[in-house]
Amino acid sequence: QVQLVESGGGLVQAGESLTLSCAASGSIFTIDGMGWYRQAPGKQRELVAIIARGRTRYTDSVKGRFTISRDNAKNTVYLQMLSLKPEDTAVYYCYSDILTDWYKRDDFWGQGTQVTVSS
């Protein structure tokens, strides 16, 4: 059993900042990728940022404003979001690619945290 617990969402004004956190716990053998997706009302879920094997990747709309990082000792991934825009408003979901044993890999998702940016 693996759980991803997110925190850090909220309501901010345009131009302000937020940092999201997501901690993985449970039966974890090792964690490969960790990342963040978001889903705005009426839109498909999209990849925001991912970090795996020392590499990061961002969707174009957040490059230069968002930074993803992770603390492997704490099984935690962070998303620092600067210069937020109203179009960043969405439910943000933590994602992780976890091996629960050496031969068993699964995708896990957090419950989602709302980020609302007012203009």
C-alpha atoms as a PDB file:
ATOM      1  CA  GLN A   1       0.000   0.000   0.000  1.00  0.00           C
ATOM      2  CA  VAL A   2       1.408   3.359  -1.080  1.00  0.00           C
ATOM      3  CA  GLN A   3       0.009   6.791  -0.358  1.00  0.00           C
ATOM      4  CA  LEU A   4       0.865  10.161  -1.842  1.00  0.00           C
ATOM      5  CA  VAL A   5      -0.168  13.077   0.336  1.00  0.00           C
ATOM      6  CA  GLU A   6      -0.112  16.565  -1.123  1.00  0.00           C
ATOM      7  CA  SER A   7      -0.105  19.924   0.598  1.00  0.00           C
ATOM      8  CA  GLY A   8       0.410  23.577  -0.209  1.00  0.00           C
ATOM      9  CA  GLY A   9      -2.437  24.530  -2.491  1.00  0.00           C
ATOM     10  CA  GLY A  10      -4.543  27.614  -1.970  1.00  0.00           C
ATOM     11  CA  LEU A  11      -5.838  30.918  -3.279  1.00  0.00           C
ATOM     12  CA  VAL A  12      -3.355  33.568  -4.358  1.00  0.00           C
ATOM     13  CA  GLN A  13      -3.309  36.659  -6.520  1.00  0.00           C
ATOM     14  CA  ALA A  14      -1.617  36.827  -9.889  1.00  0.00           C
ATOM     15  CA  GLY A  15       2.124  37.310  -9.538  1.00  0.00           C
ATOM     16  CA  GLU A  16       2.316  35.579  -6.171  1.00  0.00           C
ATOM     17  CA  SER A  17       3.957  32.252  -5.327  1.00  0.00           C
ATOM     18  CA  LEU A  18       3.063  28.866  -3.907  1.00  0.00           C
ATOM     19  CA  THR A  19       5.005  25.715  -3.181  1.00  0.00           C
ATOM     20  CA  LEU A  20       3.349  22.317  -3.368  1.00  0.00           C
ATOM     21  CA  SER A  21       4.662  19.278  -1.531  1.00  0.00           C
ATOM     22  CA  CYS A  22       3.918  15.605  -1.979  1.00  0.00           C
ATOM     23  CA  ALA A  23       5.176  12.879   0.334  1.00  0.00           C
ATOM     24  CA  ALA A  24       5.073   9.206  -0.578  1.00  0.00           C
ATOM     25  CA  SER A  25       4.749   6.604   2.153  1.00  0.00           C
ATOM     26  CA  GLY A  26       3.996   2.928   2.548  1.00  0.00           C
ATOM     27  CA  SER A  27       5.445  -0.171   0.971  1.00  0.00           C
ATOM     28  CA  ILE A  28       8.149   1.424  -1.192  1.00  0.00           C
ATOM     29  CA  PHE A  29      11.095  -0.451  -2.620  1.00  0.00           C
ATOM     30  CA  THR A  30      12.336   2.472  -4.679  1.00  0.00           C
ATOM     31  CA  ILE A  31      10.903   5.513  -6.414  1.00  0.00           C
ATOM     32  CA  ASP A  32      11.701   6.285 -10.041  1.00  0.00           C
ATOM     33  CA  GLY A  33       9.892   9.330 -11.395  1.00  0.00           C
ATOM     34  CA  MET A  34       7.929  11.894  -9.409  1.00  0.00           C
ATOM     35  CA  GLY A  35       5.953  14.731 -10.865  1.00  0.00           C
ATOM     36  CA  TRP A  36       2.963  16.998 -11.009  1.00  0.00           C
ATOM     37  CA  TYR A  37      -0.036  17.057 -13.310  1.00  0.00           C
ATOM     38  CA  ARG A  38      -2.886  19.530 -13.322  1.00  0.00           C
ATOM     39  CA  GLN A  39      -6.442  19.599 -14.519  1.00  0.00           C
ATOM     40  CA  ALA A  40      -8.416  22.768 -15.094  1.00  0.00           C
ATOM     41  CA  PRO A  41     -12.224  22.733 -15.389  1.00  0.00           C
ATOM     42  CA  GLY A  42     -13.290  21.409 -18.775  1.00  0.00           C
ATOM     43  CA  LYS A  43      -9.753  20.479 -19.762  1.00  0.00           C
ATOM     44  CA  GLN A  44      -7.712  17.304 -19.890  1.00  0.00           C
ATOM     45  CA  ARG A  45      -5.149  16.519 -17.249  1.00  0.00           C
ATOM     46  CA  GLU A  46      -1.728  17.726 -18.362  1.00  0.00           C
ATOM     47  CA  LEU A  47       1.821  17.096 -17.242  1.00  0.00           C
ATOM     48  CA  VAL A  48       3.273  20.147 -15.497  1.00  0.00           C
ATOM     49  CA  ALA A  49       6.690  18.901 -14.438  1.00  0.00           C
ATOM     50  CA  ILE A  50       8.503  15.654 -13.791  1.00  0.00           C
ATOM     51  CA  ILE A  51      11.807  14.713 -12.211  1.00  0.00           C
ATOM     52  CA  ALA A  52      13.486  11.361 -12.718  1.00  0.00           C
ATOM     53  CA  ARG A  53      17.047  10.023 -12.766  1.00  0.00           C
ATOM     54  CA  GLY A  54      18.511  13.497 -12.303  1.00  0.00           C
ATOM     55  CA  ARG A  55      16.524  15.053 -15.128  1.00  0.00           C
ATOM     56  CA  THR A  56      13.594  17.436 -15.168  1.00  0.00           C
ATOM     57  CA  ARG A  57      11.008  18.270 -17.774  1.00  0.00           C
ATOM     58  CA  TYR A  58       8.424  21.044 -17.811  1.00  0.00           C
ATOM     59  CA  THR A  59       5.451  21.911 -19.923  1.00  0.00           C
ATOM     60  CA  ASP A  60       6.199  25.018 -21.983  1.00  0.00           C
ATOM     61  CA  SER A  61       3.720  27.265 -20.211  1.00  0.00           C
ATOM     62  CA  VAL A  62       5.508  26.975 -16.852  1.00  0.00           C
ATOM     63  CA  LYS A  63       9.151  27.027 -17.952  1.00  0.00           C
ATOM     64  CA  GLY A  64      11.073  29.723 -16.113  1.00  0.00           C
ATOM     65  CA  ARG A  65       8.358  30.092 -13.448  1.00  0.00           C
ATOM     66  CA  PHE A  66       8.013  26.637 -11.867  1.00  0.00           C
ATOM     67  CA  THR A  67      10.775  24.496 -10.376  1.00  0.00           C
ATOM     68  CA  ILE A  68      10.429  20.840  -9.454  1.00  0.00           C
ATOM     69  CA  SER A  69      12.719  19.236  -6.899  1.00  0.00           C
ATOM     70  CA  ARG A  70      12.771  16.179  -4.688  1.00  0.00           C
ATOM     71  CA  ASP A  71      14.182  14.991  -1.402  1.00  0.00           C
ATOM     72  CA  ASN A  72      14.896  11.296  -1.850  1.00  0.00           C
ATOM     73  CA  ALA A  73      15.522  10.755   1.855  1.00  0.00           C
ATOM     74  CA  LYS A  74      11.992  11.966   2.568  1.00  0.00           C
ATOM     75  CA  ASN A  75      10.350  10.479  -0.559  1.00  0.00           C
ATOM     76  CA  THR A  76       9.016  13.961  -1.217  1.00  0.00           C
ATOM     77  CA  VAL A  77       8.625  16.029  -4.356  1.00  0.00           C
ATOM     78  CA  TYR A  78       8.129  19.790  -4.422  1.00  0.00           C
ATOM     79  CA  LEU A  79       6.804  22.222  -6.987  1.00  0.00           C
ATOM     80  CA  GLN A  80       7.813  25.834  -6.464  1.00  0.00           C
ATOM     81  CA  MET A  81       5.503  28.050  -8.466  1.00  0.00           C
ATOM     82  CA  LEU A  82       6.484  31.685  -9.022  1.00  0.00           C
ATOM     83  CA  SER A  83       4.741  34.482 -10.895  1.00  0.00           C
ATOM     84  CA  LEU A  84       1.468  32.613 -10.902  1.00  0.00           C
ATOM     85  CA  LYS A  85      -1.095  33.449 -13.554  1.00  0.00           C
ATOM     86  CA  PRO A  86      -4.873  32.946 -13.599  1.00  0.00           C
ATOM     87  CA  GLU A  87      -4.374  30.264 -16.258  1.00  0.00           C
ATOM     88  CA  ASP A  88      -2.427  28.214 -13.702  1.00  0.00           C
ATOM     89  CA  THR A  89      -5.679  27.683 -11.821  1.00  0.00           C
ATOM     90  CA  ALA A  90      -6.328  23.950 -11.611  1.00  0.00           C
ATOM     91  CA  VAL A  91      -6.334  20.922  -9.378  1.00  0.00           C
ATOM     92  CA  TYR A  92      -2.730  19.779  -9.101  1.00  0.00           C
ATOM     93  CA  TYR A  93      -2.060  16.062  -8.749  1.00  0.00           C
ATOM     94  CA  CYS A  94       1.116  14.450  -7.524  1.00  0.00           C
ATOM     95  CA  TYR A  95       2.283  11.438  -9.505  1.00  0.00           C
ATOM     96  CA  SER A  96       4.913   8.838  -8.764  1.00  0.00           C
ATOM     97  CA  ASP A  97       6.302   5.795 -10.513  1.00  0.00           C
ATOM     98  CA  ILE A  98       7.116   3.433  -7.653  1.00  0.00           C
ATOM     99  CA  LEU A  99       8.505  -0.045  -7.349  1.00  0.00           C
ATOM    100  CA  THR A 100       6.849  -1.763  -4.411  1.00  0.00           C
ATOM    101  CA  ASP A 101       9.181  -4.705  -4.922  1.00  0.00           C
ATOM    102  CA  TRP A 102      12.132  -5.271  -7.275  1.00  0.00           C
ATOM    103  CA  TYR A 103       9.826  -6.742  -9.943  1.00  0.00           C
ATOM    104  CA  LYS A 104       6.637  -4.712  -9.399  1.00  0.00           C
ATOM    105  CA  ARG A 105       6.187  -1.178 -10.734  1.00  0.00           C
ATOM    106  CA  ASP A 106       3.009   0.879 -10.473  1.00  0.00           C
ATOM    107  CA  ASP A 107       1.801   4.437 -10.944  1.00  0.00           C
ATOM    108  CA  PHE A 108       0.407   6.228  -7.914  1.00  0.00           C
ATOM    109  CA  TRP A 109      -1.538   9.464  -7.623  1.00  0.00           C
ATOM    110  CA  GLY A 110      -2.284  11.923  -4.874  1.00  0.00           C
ATOM    111  CA  GLN A 111      -5.773  13.129  -4.080  1.00  0.00           C
ATOM    112  CA  GLY A 112      -5.229  16.518  -5.697  1.00  0.00           C
ATOM    113  CA  THR A 113      -4.828  20.012  -4.290  1.00  0.00           C
ATOM    114  CA  GLN A 114      -6.596  23.099  -5.592  1.00  0.00           C
ATOM    115  CA  VAL A 115      -4.575  26.059  -6.786  1.00  0.00           C
ATOM    116  CA  THR A 116      -6.594  29.165  -7.596  1.00  0.00           C
ATOM    117  CA  VAL A 117      -4.991  32.314  -8.983  1.00  0.00           C
ATOM    118  CA  SER A 118      -7.119  35.432  -9.060  1.00  0.00           C
ATOM    119  CA  SER A 119      -6.467  38.297 -11.443  1.00  0.00           C
END
